[in-house]
N, C-alpha and C. Protein backbone atom coordinates (compact mmCIF):
# COMPACT_ATOMS: atom_id res chain seq x y z
N UNK A 1 10.14 7.76 4.91
CA UNK A 1 8.72 7.94 4.61
C UNK A 1 7.92 6.76 5.18
N UNK A 2 6.86 7.07 5.91
CA UNK A 2 6.04 6.02 6.51
C UNK A 2 5.30 5.24 5.44
N UNK A 3 5.13 3.95 5.71
CA UNK A 3 4.42 3.11 4.75
C UNK A 3 2.95 3.53 4.69
N UNK A 4 2.38 3.44 3.51
CA UNK A 4 0.96 3.74 3.38
C UNK A 4 0.15 2.60 3.99
N UNK A 5 -1.03 2.94 4.49
CA UNK A 5 -1.87 1.94 5.13
C UNK A 5 -3.21 1.83 4.44
N UNK A 6 -3.65 0.60 4.23
CA UNK A 6 -4.90 0.33 3.54
C UNK A 6 -5.70 -0.74 4.28
N UNK A 7 -7.02 -0.65 4.14
CA UNK A 7 -7.89 -1.70 4.64
C UNK A 7 -8.62 -2.31 3.46
N UNK A 8 -8.73 -3.61 3.45
CA UNK A 8 -9.43 -4.33 2.38
C UNK A 8 -10.58 -5.10 3.01
N UNK A 9 -11.80 -4.78 2.57
CA UNK A 9 -13.00 -5.46 3.05
C UNK A 9 -13.43 -6.51 2.03
N UNK A 10 -13.48 -7.76 2.45
CA UNK A 10 -13.88 -8.83 1.54
C UNK A 10 -12.66 -9.52 0.99
N UNK A 11 -12.51 -10.80 1.29
CA UNK A 11 -11.30 -11.53 0.92
C UNK A 11 -11.57 -12.66 -0.06
N UNK A 12 -12.44 -12.37 -1.04
CA UNK A 12 -12.59 -13.30 -2.16
C UNK A 12 -11.34 -13.21 -3.01
N UNK A 13 -11.39 -13.72 -4.24
CA UNK A 13 -10.20 -13.72 -5.09
C UNK A 13 -9.66 -12.32 -5.33
N UNK A 14 -10.56 -11.36 -5.62
CA UNK A 14 -10.13 -10.00 -5.91
C UNK A 14 -9.55 -9.34 -4.66
N UNK A 15 -10.29 -9.40 -3.56
CA UNK A 15 -9.83 -8.77 -2.33
C UNK A 15 -8.53 -9.38 -1.83
N UNK A 16 -8.42 -10.69 -1.90
CA UNK A 16 -7.20 -11.37 -1.48
C UNK A 16 -6.01 -10.91 -2.31
N UNK A 17 -6.22 -10.83 -3.62
CA UNK A 17 -5.15 -10.42 -4.53
C UNK A 17 -4.69 -9.00 -4.25
N UNK A 18 -5.65 -8.09 -4.04
CA UNK A 18 -5.31 -6.69 -3.77
C UNK A 18 -4.56 -6.57 -2.44
N UNK A 19 -5.08 -7.23 -1.41
CA UNK A 19 -4.48 -7.14 -0.08
C UNK A 19 -3.05 -7.66 -0.07
N UNK A 20 -2.83 -8.83 -0.63
CA UNK A 20 -1.49 -9.42 -0.62
C UNK A 20 -0.53 -8.64 -1.51
N UNK A 21 -1.03 -8.07 -2.60
CA UNK A 21 -0.17 -7.28 -3.49
C UNK A 21 0.25 -5.97 -2.82
N UNK A 22 -0.69 -5.33 -2.12
CA UNK A 22 -0.35 -4.11 -1.39
C UNK A 22 0.71 -4.39 -0.33
N UNK A 23 0.53 -5.49 0.38
CA UNK A 23 1.49 -5.85 1.43
C UNK A 23 2.86 -6.17 0.84
N UNK A 24 2.86 -6.87 -0.29
CA UNK A 24 4.12 -7.22 -0.95
C UNK A 24 4.86 -5.98 -1.44
N UNK A 25 4.11 -4.89 -1.65
CA UNK A 25 4.71 -3.64 -2.10
C UNK A 25 5.02 -2.68 -0.95
N UNK A 26 5.07 -3.22 0.26
CA UNK A 26 5.53 -2.44 1.40
C UNK A 26 4.48 -1.65 2.15
N UNK A 27 3.20 -1.90 1.86
CA UNK A 27 2.13 -1.18 2.56
C UNK A 27 1.69 -1.94 3.81
N UNK A 28 1.17 -1.20 4.78
CA UNK A 28 0.51 -1.83 5.92
C UNK A 28 -0.92 -2.15 5.51
N UNK A 29 -1.33 -3.38 5.70
CA UNK A 29 -2.64 -3.82 5.21
C UNK A 29 -3.44 -4.49 6.31
N UNK A 30 -4.66 -4.01 6.51
CA UNK A 30 -5.63 -4.65 7.39
C UNK A 30 -6.65 -5.35 6.50
N UNK A 31 -6.73 -6.66 6.59
CA UNK A 31 -7.66 -7.45 5.77
C UNK A 31 -8.84 -7.88 6.64
N UNK A 32 -10.05 -7.64 6.15
CA UNK A 32 -11.26 -7.89 6.95
C UNK A 32 -12.26 -8.72 6.17
N UNK A 33 -12.79 -9.75 6.81
CA UNK A 33 -13.84 -10.56 6.19
C UNK A 33 -14.67 -11.20 7.30
N UNK A 34 -15.91 -11.51 6.99
CA UNK A 34 -16.79 -12.15 7.96
C UNK A 34 -16.53 -13.65 8.04
N UNK A 35 -15.80 -14.18 7.04
CA UNK A 35 -15.49 -15.60 6.95
C UNK A 35 -14.15 -15.87 7.64
N UNK A 36 -14.20 -16.61 8.74
CA UNK A 36 -12.99 -16.89 9.50
C UNK A 36 -11.94 -17.67 8.73
N UNK A 37 -12.37 -18.56 7.85
CA UNK A 37 -11.41 -19.34 7.06
C UNK A 37 -10.61 -18.44 6.12
N UNK A 38 -11.30 -17.48 5.51
CA UNK A 38 -10.60 -16.55 4.62
C UNK A 38 -9.61 -15.70 5.40
N UNK A 39 -10.01 -15.30 6.59
CA UNK A 39 -9.12 -14.50 7.44
C UNK A 39 -7.88 -15.31 7.81
N UNK A 40 -8.08 -16.57 8.15
CA UNK A 40 -6.95 -17.43 8.51
C UNK A 40 -6.02 -17.65 7.33
N UNK A 41 -6.59 -17.78 6.14
CA UNK A 41 -5.78 -18.03 4.95
C UNK A 41 -4.83 -16.88 4.62
N UNK A 42 -5.25 -15.66 4.93
CA UNK A 42 -4.45 -14.49 4.54
C UNK A 42 -3.60 -13.94 5.68
N UNK A 43 -3.77 -14.47 6.87
CA UNK A 43 -3.15 -13.89 8.07
C UNK A 43 -1.64 -13.69 7.96
N UNK A 44 -0.95 -14.60 7.30
CA UNK A 44 0.51 -14.49 7.21
C UNK A 44 0.99 -13.62 6.06
N UNK A 45 0.05 -13.13 5.26
CA UNK A 45 0.43 -12.37 4.06
C UNK A 45 0.00 -10.91 4.10
N UNK A 46 -0.47 -10.45 5.25
CA UNK A 46 -0.83 -9.04 5.44
C UNK A 46 -0.38 -8.62 6.84
N UNK A 47 -0.51 -7.33 7.15
CA UNK A 47 -0.09 -6.84 8.47
C UNK A 47 -1.01 -7.36 9.56
N UNK A 48 -2.32 -7.20 9.34
CA UNK A 48 -3.34 -7.68 10.28
C UNK A 48 -4.49 -8.28 9.49
N UNK A 49 -5.10 -9.30 10.06
CA UNK A 49 -6.28 -9.91 9.45
C UNK A 49 -7.33 -10.08 10.55
N UNK A 50 -8.54 -9.61 10.28
CA UNK A 50 -9.58 -9.58 11.31
C UNK A 50 -10.88 -10.15 10.76
N UNK A 51 -11.53 -10.99 11.58
CA UNK A 51 -12.87 -11.45 11.25
C UNK A 51 -13.86 -10.45 11.82
N UNK A 52 -14.67 -9.84 10.95
CA UNK A 52 -15.61 -8.82 11.42
C UNK A 52 -16.71 -8.61 10.40
N UNK A 53 -17.87 -8.19 10.89
CA UNK A 53 -19.00 -7.84 10.05
C UNK A 53 -18.94 -6.33 9.80
N UNK A 54 -18.49 -5.94 8.62
CA UNK A 54 -18.26 -4.52 8.36
C UNK A 54 -19.54 -3.74 8.07
N UNK A 55 -20.68 -4.41 8.11
CA UNK A 55 -21.94 -3.68 7.94
C UNK A 55 -22.48 -3.21 9.29
N UNK A 56 -21.83 -3.60 10.36
CA UNK A 56 -22.24 -3.19 11.71
C UNK A 56 -21.44 -1.94 12.09
N UNK A 57 -22.10 -0.79 12.23
CA UNK A 57 -21.39 0.47 12.53
C UNK A 57 -20.51 0.40 13.77
N UNK A 58 -20.97 -0.30 14.81
CA UNK A 58 -20.18 -0.38 16.04
C UNK A 58 -18.92 -1.20 15.84
N UNK A 59 -19.07 -2.31 15.12
CA UNK A 59 -17.90 -3.14 14.82
C UNK A 59 -16.92 -2.35 13.96
N UNK A 60 -17.47 -1.62 13.00
CA UNK A 60 -16.65 -0.82 12.09
C UNK A 60 -15.83 0.21 12.88
N UNK A 61 -16.50 0.88 13.82
CA UNK A 61 -15.80 1.89 14.62
C UNK A 61 -14.68 1.27 15.44
N UNK A 62 -14.91 0.04 15.90
CA UNK A 62 -13.91 -0.62 16.75
C UNK A 62 -12.62 -0.93 16.00
N UNK A 63 -12.67 -0.91 14.67
CA UNK A 63 -11.49 -1.22 13.88
C UNK A 63 -10.51 -0.04 13.84
N UNK A 64 -10.98 1.16 14.17
CA UNK A 64 -10.10 2.33 14.21
C UNK A 64 -9.43 2.63 12.89
N UNK A 65 -10.23 3.00 11.91
CA UNK A 65 -9.72 3.16 10.55
C UNK A 65 -9.45 4.60 10.14
N UNK A 66 -9.56 5.53 11.08
CA UNK A 66 -9.45 6.94 10.73
C UNK A 66 -8.15 7.36 10.09
N UNK A 67 -7.06 6.64 10.36
CA UNK A 67 -5.76 7.03 9.82
C UNK A 67 -5.36 6.28 8.56
N UNK A 68 -6.28 5.48 8.03
CA UNK A 68 -5.97 4.73 6.81
C UNK A 68 -5.84 5.67 5.61
N UNK A 69 -4.94 5.33 4.70
CA UNK A 69 -4.79 6.12 3.47
C UNK A 69 -5.84 5.76 2.43
N UNK A 70 -6.36 4.56 2.52
CA UNK A 70 -7.36 4.15 1.54
C UNK A 70 -8.04 2.86 1.93
N UNK A 71 -9.17 2.60 1.29
CA UNK A 71 -9.93 1.37 1.54
C UNK A 71 -10.33 0.74 0.22
N UNK A 72 -10.35 -0.57 0.20
CA UNK A 72 -10.85 -1.32 -0.96
C UNK A 72 -12.04 -2.13 -0.49
N UNK A 73 -13.20 -1.84 -1.07
CA UNK A 73 -14.42 -2.56 -0.72
C UNK A 73 -14.63 -3.63 -1.78
N UNK A 74 -14.26 -4.86 -1.44
CA UNK A 74 -14.33 -5.97 -2.39
C UNK A 74 -15.49 -6.91 -2.08
N UNK A 75 -16.44 -6.43 -1.27
CA UNK A 75 -17.61 -7.24 -0.90
C UNK A 75 -18.69 -6.99 -1.93
N UNK A 76 -18.56 -7.55 -3.11
CA UNK A 76 -19.50 -7.21 -4.18
C UNK A 76 -20.64 -8.22 -4.34
N UNK A 77 -20.50 -9.40 -3.74
CA UNK A 77 -21.55 -10.41 -3.91
C UNK A 77 -22.85 -10.00 -3.24
N UNK A 78 -22.73 -9.19 -2.19
CA UNK A 78 -23.92 -8.71 -1.49
C UNK A 78 -23.94 -7.19 -1.59
N UNK A 79 -24.81 -6.69 -2.44
CA UNK A 79 -24.83 -5.26 -2.74
C UNK A 79 -25.02 -4.42 -1.49
N UNK A 80 -25.93 -4.85 -0.61
CA UNK A 80 -26.20 -4.08 0.60
C UNK A 80 -24.95 -3.95 1.47
N UNK A 81 -24.22 -5.06 1.62
CA UNK A 81 -23.00 -5.04 2.43
C UNK A 81 -21.94 -4.15 1.79
N UNK A 82 -21.85 -4.22 0.48
CA UNK A 82 -20.88 -3.40 -0.25
C UNK A 82 -21.17 -1.91 -0.07
N UNK A 83 -22.43 -1.54 -0.22
CA UNK A 83 -22.84 -0.14 -0.08
C UNK A 83 -22.62 0.34 1.35
N UNK A 84 -23.00 -0.50 2.32
CA UNK A 84 -22.85 -0.12 3.73
C UNK A 84 -21.38 0.07 4.10
N UNK A 85 -20.53 -0.83 3.63
CA UNK A 85 -19.10 -0.72 3.93
C UNK A 85 -18.51 0.55 3.32
N UNK A 86 -18.99 0.91 2.14
CA UNK A 86 -18.52 2.14 1.49
C UNK A 86 -18.94 3.37 2.28
N UNK A 87 -20.19 3.39 2.72
CA UNK A 87 -20.70 4.51 3.52
C UNK A 87 -19.90 4.65 4.81
N UNK A 88 -19.70 3.54 5.51
CA UNK A 88 -19.00 3.57 6.78
C UNK A 88 -17.53 3.97 6.61
N UNK A 89 -16.92 3.54 5.51
CA UNK A 89 -15.53 3.91 5.24
C UNK A 89 -15.40 5.42 5.05
N UNK A 90 -16.34 6.01 4.32
CA UNK A 90 -16.30 7.46 4.10
C UNK A 90 -16.59 8.21 5.40
N UNK A 91 -17.54 7.69 6.18
CA UNK A 91 -17.86 8.33 7.45
C UNK A 91 -16.70 8.25 8.44
N UNK A 92 -15.86 7.22 8.29
CA UNK A 92 -14.69 7.07 9.17
C UNK A 92 -13.58 8.04 8.79
N UNK A 93 -13.75 8.73 7.67
CA UNK A 93 -12.75 9.71 7.25
C UNK A 93 -11.67 9.16 6.35
N UNK A 94 -11.85 7.96 5.83
CA UNK A 94 -10.86 7.40 4.90
C UNK A 94 -10.92 8.21 3.61
N UNK A 95 -9.79 8.81 3.20
CA UNK A 95 -9.82 9.75 2.07
C UNK A 95 -10.08 9.14 0.70
N UNK A 96 -9.73 7.88 0.53
CA UNK A 96 -9.90 7.26 -0.79
C UNK A 96 -10.52 5.88 -0.62
N UNK A 97 -11.65 5.68 -1.30
CA UNK A 97 -12.34 4.39 -1.24
C UNK A 97 -12.56 3.87 -2.65
N UNK A 98 -12.00 2.71 -2.93
CA UNK A 98 -12.22 2.03 -4.20
C UNK A 98 -13.16 0.87 -3.94
N UNK A 99 -14.23 0.77 -4.72
CA UNK A 99 -15.22 -0.28 -4.49
C UNK A 99 -15.41 -1.13 -5.73
N UNK A 100 -15.60 -2.41 -5.51
CA UNK A 100 -15.85 -3.36 -6.59
C UNK A 100 -17.35 -3.46 -6.83
N UNK A 101 -17.74 -3.42 -8.11
CA UNK A 101 -19.16 -3.55 -8.46
C UNK A 101 -19.36 -4.71 -9.42
N UNK A 102 -20.56 -5.25 -9.40
CA UNK A 102 -20.90 -6.34 -10.33
C UNK A 102 -21.79 -5.88 -11.47
N UNK A 103 -22.58 -4.83 -11.23
CA UNK A 103 -23.52 -4.35 -12.24
C UNK A 103 -23.46 -2.83 -12.33
N UNK A 104 -24.05 -2.28 -13.38
CA UNK A 104 -24.08 -0.83 -13.54
C UNK A 104 -24.91 -0.18 -12.43
N UNK A 105 -26.00 -0.83 -12.05
CA UNK A 105 -26.84 -0.28 -10.97
C UNK A 105 -26.04 -0.25 -9.67
N UNK A 106 -25.34 -1.33 -9.41
CA UNK A 106 -24.48 -1.41 -8.22
C UNK A 106 -23.47 -0.27 -8.24
N UNK A 107 -22.84 -0.05 -9.38
CA UNK A 107 -21.83 1.01 -9.52
C UNK A 107 -22.44 2.39 -9.29
N UNK A 108 -23.65 2.60 -9.80
CA UNK A 108 -24.33 3.89 -9.63
C UNK A 108 -24.58 4.18 -8.16
N UNK A 109 -25.04 3.16 -7.44
CA UNK A 109 -25.31 3.33 -6.01
C UNK A 109 -24.02 3.61 -5.25
N UNK A 110 -22.97 2.88 -5.57
CA UNK A 110 -21.68 3.08 -4.90
C UNK A 110 -21.16 4.50 -5.12
N UNK A 111 -21.33 5.00 -6.33
CA UNK A 111 -20.89 6.37 -6.63
C UNK A 111 -21.69 7.38 -5.81
N UNK A 112 -22.98 7.14 -5.67
CA UNK A 112 -23.84 8.08 -4.95
C UNK A 112 -23.53 8.11 -3.46
N UNK A 113 -23.03 7.01 -2.91
CA UNK A 113 -22.73 6.99 -1.47
C UNK A 113 -21.28 7.35 -1.18
N UNK A 114 -20.52 7.73 -2.21
CA UNK A 114 -19.20 8.29 -1.96
C UNK A 114 -17.98 7.54 -2.42
N UNK A 115 -18.14 6.40 -3.11
CA UNK A 115 -16.96 5.69 -3.61
C UNK A 115 -16.17 6.59 -4.56
N UNK A 116 -14.87 6.68 -4.34
CA UNK A 116 -14.04 7.55 -5.18
C UNK A 116 -13.74 6.91 -6.54
N UNK A 117 -13.59 5.61 -6.54
CA UNK A 117 -13.37 4.87 -7.79
C UNK A 117 -14.14 3.57 -7.71
N UNK A 118 -14.61 3.11 -8.88
CA UNK A 118 -15.38 1.87 -8.94
C UNK A 118 -14.76 0.99 -10.02
N UNK A 119 -14.61 -0.28 -9.70
CA UNK A 119 -13.95 -1.19 -10.63
C UNK A 119 -14.83 -2.40 -10.89
N UNK A 120 -14.78 -2.88 -12.13
CA UNK A 120 -15.45 -4.12 -12.53
C UNK A 120 -14.33 -5.11 -12.89
N UNK A 121 -13.76 -5.83 -11.92
CA UNK A 121 -12.60 -6.69 -12.21
C UNK A 121 -12.84 -7.71 -13.30
N UNK A 122 -14.01 -8.36 -13.28
CA UNK A 122 -14.28 -9.38 -14.28
C UNK A 122 -14.34 -8.77 -15.68
N UNK A 123 -14.99 -7.61 -15.79
CA UNK A 123 -15.09 -6.93 -17.08
C UNK A 123 -13.71 -6.50 -17.57
N UNK A 124 -12.92 -5.92 -16.65
CA UNK A 124 -11.59 -5.45 -17.04
C UNK A 124 -10.67 -6.62 -17.39
N UNK A 125 -10.80 -7.72 -16.66
CA UNK A 125 -10.00 -8.89 -16.98
C UNK A 125 -10.41 -9.46 -18.33
N UNK A 126 -11.72 -9.44 -18.61
CA UNK A 126 -12.20 -9.90 -19.90
C UNK A 126 -11.61 -9.09 -21.04
N UNK A 127 -11.55 -7.78 -20.85
CA UNK A 127 -10.97 -6.90 -21.88
C UNK A 127 -9.49 -7.19 -22.04
N UNK A 128 -8.82 -7.44 -20.91
CA UNK A 128 -7.38 -7.71 -20.96
C UNK A 128 -7.11 -9.04 -21.67
N UNK A 129 -7.91 -10.05 -21.36
CA UNK A 129 -7.74 -11.35 -22.01
C UNK A 129 -7.95 -11.20 -23.51
N UNK A 130 -9.00 -10.43 -23.89
CA UNK A 130 -9.28 -10.22 -25.31
C UNK A 130 -8.10 -9.54 -26.00
N UNK A 131 -7.54 -8.50 -25.35
CA UNK A 131 -6.39 -7.80 -25.94
C UNK A 131 -5.21 -8.75 -26.09
N UNK A 132 -4.99 -9.58 -25.08
CA UNK A 132 -3.86 -10.50 -25.15
C UNK A 132 -4.06 -11.57 -26.22
N UNK A 133 -5.31 -11.91 -26.49
CA UNK A 133 -5.58 -12.85 -27.57
C UNK A 133 -5.32 -12.20 -28.93
N UNK A 134 -5.71 -10.93 -29.04
CA UNK A 134 -5.48 -10.20 -30.29
C UNK A 134 -3.98 -10.01 -30.51
N UNK A 135 -3.27 -9.63 -29.43
CA UNK A 135 -1.83 -9.39 -29.50
C UNK A 135 -1.09 -10.67 -29.10
N UNK A 136 -1.58 -11.81 -29.55
CA UNK A 136 -1.13 -13.11 -29.06
C UNK A 136 0.32 -13.27 -28.67
N UNK A 137 1.23 -12.71 -29.45
CA UNK A 137 2.65 -12.92 -29.22
C UNK A 137 3.17 -12.13 -28.02
N UNK A 138 2.43 -11.11 -27.63
CA UNK A 138 2.88 -10.25 -26.55
C UNK A 138 2.61 -10.88 -25.20
N UNK A 139 3.50 -10.64 -24.25
CA UNK A 139 3.39 -11.24 -22.93
C UNK A 139 2.36 -10.54 -22.06
N UNK A 140 2.24 -9.22 -22.24
CA UNK A 140 1.26 -8.45 -21.47
C UNK A 140 0.99 -7.16 -22.22
N UNK A 141 -0.20 -6.60 -22.04
CA UNK A 141 -0.55 -5.36 -22.71
C UNK A 141 -1.23 -4.42 -21.73
N UNK A 142 -1.03 -3.12 -21.96
CA UNK A 142 -1.70 -2.10 -21.18
C UNK A 142 -2.23 -1.06 -22.14
N UNK A 143 -3.54 -0.94 -22.20
CA UNK A 143 -4.18 -0.04 -23.15
C UNK A 143 -4.05 1.41 -22.69
N UNK A 144 -3.37 2.25 -23.47
CA UNK A 144 -3.21 3.66 -23.14
C UNK A 144 -4.37 4.48 -23.69
N UNK A 145 -4.90 4.06 -24.83
CA UNK A 145 -6.07 4.70 -25.44
C UNK A 145 -6.68 3.68 -26.37
N UNK A 146 -7.68 4.09 -27.13
CA UNK A 146 -8.32 3.14 -28.05
C UNK A 146 -7.40 2.74 -29.20
N UNK A 147 -6.34 3.51 -29.43
CA UNK A 147 -5.45 3.23 -30.56
C UNK A 147 -4.00 2.97 -30.16
N UNK A 148 -3.64 3.28 -28.92
CA UNK A 148 -2.25 3.09 -28.47
C UNK A 148 -2.18 2.15 -27.28
N UNK A 149 -1.11 1.35 -27.24
CA UNK A 149 -0.91 0.41 -26.14
C UNK A 149 0.56 0.36 -25.74
N UNK A 150 0.79 -0.10 -24.54
CA UNK A 150 2.14 -0.42 -24.08
C UNK A 150 2.19 -1.93 -23.91
N UNK A 151 3.18 -2.57 -24.51
CA UNK A 151 3.22 -4.03 -24.48
C UNK A 151 4.59 -4.53 -24.04
N UNK A 152 4.57 -5.70 -23.42
CA UNK A 152 5.80 -6.44 -23.17
C UNK A 152 5.91 -7.49 -24.26
N UNK A 153 7.06 -7.56 -24.89
CA UNK A 153 7.25 -8.55 -25.95
C UNK A 153 8.65 -9.13 -25.88
N UNK A 154 8.73 -10.43 -26.11
CA UNK A 154 10.03 -11.07 -26.22
C UNK A 154 10.74 -10.49 -27.43
N UNK A 155 12.04 -10.32 -27.35
CA UNK A 155 12.79 -9.82 -28.50
C UNK A 155 12.52 -10.74 -29.69
N UNK A 156 11.98 -10.21 -30.80
CA UNK A 156 11.72 -11.05 -31.98
C UNK A 156 13.00 -11.75 -32.44
N UNK A 157 12.87 -12.97 -32.92
CA UNK A 157 14.06 -13.75 -33.30
C UNK A 157 14.91 -13.04 -34.33
N UNK A 158 14.24 -12.29 -35.24
CA UNK A 158 15.00 -11.60 -36.29
C UNK A 158 15.72 -10.35 -35.77
N UNK A 159 15.40 -9.95 -34.53
CA UNK A 159 16.07 -8.80 -33.93
C UNK A 159 17.27 -9.20 -33.08
N UNK A 160 17.37 -10.48 -32.74
CA UNK A 160 18.44 -10.95 -31.86
C UNK A 160 19.80 -10.68 -32.51
N UNK A 161 20.72 -10.12 -31.72
CA UNK A 161 22.05 -9.82 -32.23
C UNK A 161 22.16 -8.47 -32.89
N UNK A 162 21.05 -7.75 -33.00
CA UNK A 162 21.04 -6.43 -33.62
C UNK A 162 20.68 -5.37 -32.58
N UNK A 163 21.08 -4.15 -32.83
CA UNK A 163 20.78 -3.06 -31.90
C UNK A 163 19.56 -2.28 -32.38
N UNK A 164 18.99 -1.47 -31.47
CA UNK A 164 17.84 -0.65 -31.84
C UNK A 164 18.22 0.34 -32.94
N UNK A 165 19.44 0.87 -32.87
CA UNK A 165 19.86 1.83 -33.89
C UNK A 165 20.01 1.13 -35.25
N UNK A 166 20.58 -0.05 -35.23
CA UNK A 166 20.77 -0.81 -36.47
C UNK A 166 19.42 -1.15 -37.10
N UNK A 167 18.46 -1.50 -36.26
CA UNK A 167 17.12 -1.85 -36.77
C UNK A 167 16.30 -0.62 -37.14
N UNK A 168 16.73 0.56 -36.62
CA UNK A 168 15.99 1.80 -36.87
C UNK A 168 14.53 1.63 -36.46
N UNK A 169 14.34 1.12 -35.24
CA UNK A 169 13.02 0.70 -34.77
C UNK A 169 11.98 1.81 -34.84
N UNK A 170 12.32 2.99 -34.36
CA UNK A 170 11.32 4.07 -34.32
C UNK A 170 10.84 4.45 -35.71
N UNK A 171 11.76 4.59 -36.65
CA UNK A 171 11.37 5.02 -37.99
C UNK A 171 10.82 3.88 -38.84
N UNK A 172 11.41 2.71 -38.71
CA UNK A 172 10.99 1.59 -39.56
C UNK A 172 9.70 0.94 -39.07
N UNK A 173 9.57 0.82 -37.74
CA UNK A 173 8.41 0.11 -37.18
C UNK A 173 7.38 1.04 -36.55
N UNK A 174 7.76 2.30 -36.32
CA UNK A 174 6.80 3.27 -35.77
C UNK A 174 6.45 3.06 -34.31
N UNK A 175 7.35 2.43 -33.54
CA UNK A 175 7.11 2.21 -32.11
C UNK A 175 8.33 2.68 -31.33
N UNK A 176 8.14 2.88 -30.03
CA UNK A 176 9.24 3.29 -29.16
C UNK A 176 9.52 2.22 -28.11
N UNK A 177 10.76 1.82 -27.99
CA UNK A 177 11.18 0.90 -26.94
C UNK A 177 11.60 1.76 -25.75
N UNK A 178 10.86 1.67 -24.64
CA UNK A 178 11.11 2.55 -23.50
C UNK A 178 11.87 1.86 -22.36
N UNK A 179 11.96 0.54 -22.41
CA UNK A 179 12.71 -0.17 -21.37
C UNK A 179 13.01 -1.58 -21.85
N UNK A 180 13.96 -2.20 -21.17
CA UNK A 180 14.36 -3.55 -21.51
C UNK A 180 14.47 -4.36 -20.22
N UNK A 181 13.88 -5.54 -20.22
CA UNK A 181 13.90 -6.40 -19.04
C UNK A 181 14.73 -7.65 -19.32
N UNK A 182 15.47 -8.05 -18.30
CA UNK A 182 16.21 -9.31 -18.38
C UNK A 182 16.16 -9.94 -17.00
N UNK A 183 15.36 -10.99 -16.87
CA UNK A 183 15.12 -11.56 -15.55
C UNK A 183 14.36 -10.56 -14.71
N UNK A 184 14.88 -10.25 -13.52
CA UNK A 184 14.23 -9.28 -12.63
C UNK A 184 14.75 -7.86 -12.84
N UNK A 185 15.73 -7.71 -13.72
CA UNK A 185 16.34 -6.40 -13.94
C UNK A 185 15.62 -5.64 -15.05
N UNK A 186 15.33 -4.36 -14.79
CA UNK A 186 14.69 -3.49 -15.77
C UNK A 186 15.62 -2.32 -16.06
N UNK A 187 15.93 -2.11 -17.33
CA UNK A 187 16.79 -1.01 -17.75
C UNK A 187 15.96 0.00 -18.53
N UNK A 188 15.72 1.17 -17.91
CA UNK A 188 14.92 2.21 -18.56
C UNK A 188 15.80 3.16 -19.37
N UNK A 189 17.10 2.92 -19.36
CA UNK A 189 18.03 3.74 -20.14
C UNK A 189 18.71 2.83 -21.16
N UNK A 190 17.95 2.43 -22.16
CA UNK A 190 18.40 1.42 -23.11
C UNK A 190 19.49 1.98 -24.02
N UNK A 191 20.59 1.24 -24.12
CA UNK A 191 21.68 1.63 -25.03
C UNK A 191 21.27 1.27 -26.46
N UNK A 192 21.09 2.26 -27.33
CA UNK A 192 20.62 1.98 -28.69
C UNK A 192 21.62 1.20 -29.53
N UNK A 193 22.87 1.11 -29.06
CA UNK A 193 23.90 0.41 -29.84
C UNK A 193 24.21 -0.99 -29.30
N UNK A 194 23.52 -1.39 -28.24
CA UNK A 194 23.80 -2.71 -27.65
C UNK A 194 22.98 -3.79 -28.36
N UNK A 195 23.63 -4.85 -28.83
CA UNK A 195 22.89 -5.94 -29.48
C UNK A 195 21.92 -6.59 -28.49
N UNK A 196 20.74 -6.93 -28.98
CA UNK A 196 19.72 -7.54 -28.13
C UNK A 196 19.90 -9.04 -28.07
N UNK A 197 19.44 -9.63 -26.95
CA UNK A 197 19.56 -11.06 -26.73
C UNK A 197 18.18 -11.72 -26.68
N UNK A 198 18.16 -13.00 -26.96
CA UNK A 198 16.89 -13.73 -27.08
C UNK A 198 16.12 -13.80 -25.76
N UNK A 199 16.84 -13.72 -24.63
CA UNK A 199 16.16 -13.86 -23.33
C UNK A 199 15.66 -12.52 -22.80
N UNK A 200 15.78 -11.46 -23.58
CA UNK A 200 15.35 -10.15 -23.12
C UNK A 200 13.90 -9.86 -23.53
N UNK A 201 13.28 -8.97 -22.75
CA UNK A 201 11.90 -8.55 -22.99
C UNK A 201 11.89 -7.04 -23.21
N UNK A 202 11.20 -6.61 -24.25
CA UNK A 202 11.10 -5.19 -24.56
C UNK A 202 9.79 -4.62 -24.07
N UNK A 203 9.85 -3.44 -23.45
CA UNK A 203 8.65 -2.70 -23.09
C UNK A 203 8.48 -1.64 -24.18
N UNK A 204 7.43 -1.78 -24.97
CA UNK A 204 7.28 -1.01 -26.20
C UNK A 204 5.95 -0.27 -26.22
N UNK A 205 5.98 0.97 -26.71
CA UNK A 205 4.77 1.79 -26.82
C UNK A 205 4.55 2.14 -28.29
N UNK A 206 3.29 2.04 -28.73
CA UNK A 206 3.03 2.43 -30.11
C UNK A 206 1.58 2.26 -30.50
N UNK A 207 1.29 2.63 -31.73
CA UNK A 207 -0.03 2.45 -32.31
C UNK A 207 -0.34 0.96 -32.40
N UNK A 208 -1.56 0.59 -32.11
CA UNK A 208 -1.93 -0.83 -32.11
C UNK A 208 -1.65 -1.51 -33.45
N UNK A 209 -1.90 -0.79 -34.54
CA UNK A 209 -1.66 -1.37 -35.87
C UNK A 209 -0.17 -1.65 -36.08
N UNK A 210 0.67 -0.71 -35.61
CA UNK A 210 2.12 -0.89 -35.75
C UNK A 210 2.60 -2.07 -34.91
N UNK A 211 2.06 -2.18 -33.71
CA UNK A 211 2.43 -3.29 -32.83
C UNK A 211 2.01 -4.62 -33.43
N UNK A 212 0.85 -4.64 -34.06
CA UNK A 212 0.37 -5.86 -34.70
C UNK A 212 1.31 -6.30 -35.81
N UNK A 213 1.86 -5.33 -36.55
CA UNK A 213 2.76 -5.67 -37.65
C UNK A 213 4.03 -6.33 -37.13
N UNK A 214 4.50 -5.86 -35.97
CA UNK A 214 5.67 -6.50 -35.37
C UNK A 214 5.34 -7.94 -34.99
N UNK A 215 4.15 -8.13 -34.45
CA UNK A 215 3.73 -9.48 -34.04
C UNK A 215 3.69 -10.41 -35.24
N UNK A 216 3.20 -9.88 -36.34
CA UNK A 216 3.03 -10.72 -37.53
C UNK A 216 4.33 -10.91 -38.29
């Protein structure tokens, strides 16, 4: 299967992070910014890095983006540039365009010109930080709904040496352990009779209140 290809416009913190993460996950990535220093900084961590003004239609056409699987418009500091890059990306035939917005008005305009998805990274990171503060003991959280979350948690000290069956986790605690991590290894077929170790991490799904009780 051919690697997916993406273009990222704007190499600030968000754009840089997206571009390098896509590349690390086996995608072909074209990173574009008008700032030559930013382009130089990322050159070794993506497939191609180009200094270009993406608000110029002729320059945009010269990049040859028609075969890209998706685009990330991370040029949010300048609304006009962000909107123009989104328009040009859609006109180039890129099937999926994700754009970063700073304000609701910015997001509304991006939606009207064709952005398929719009993200507020700072807002979403703020929500994530807040959740992690609430779930302090947990290593990471992913909100599935307003009442359910998926969390990574170190095996509680009182669980060490005991198995999931022995603890009767589902019935006693009301949560489901769906995977177990140890170092870089992830086991999605957890043996309910295997004693847990202190260095292991549980991937657990459940009601937020139930998860909080485990934390406490």
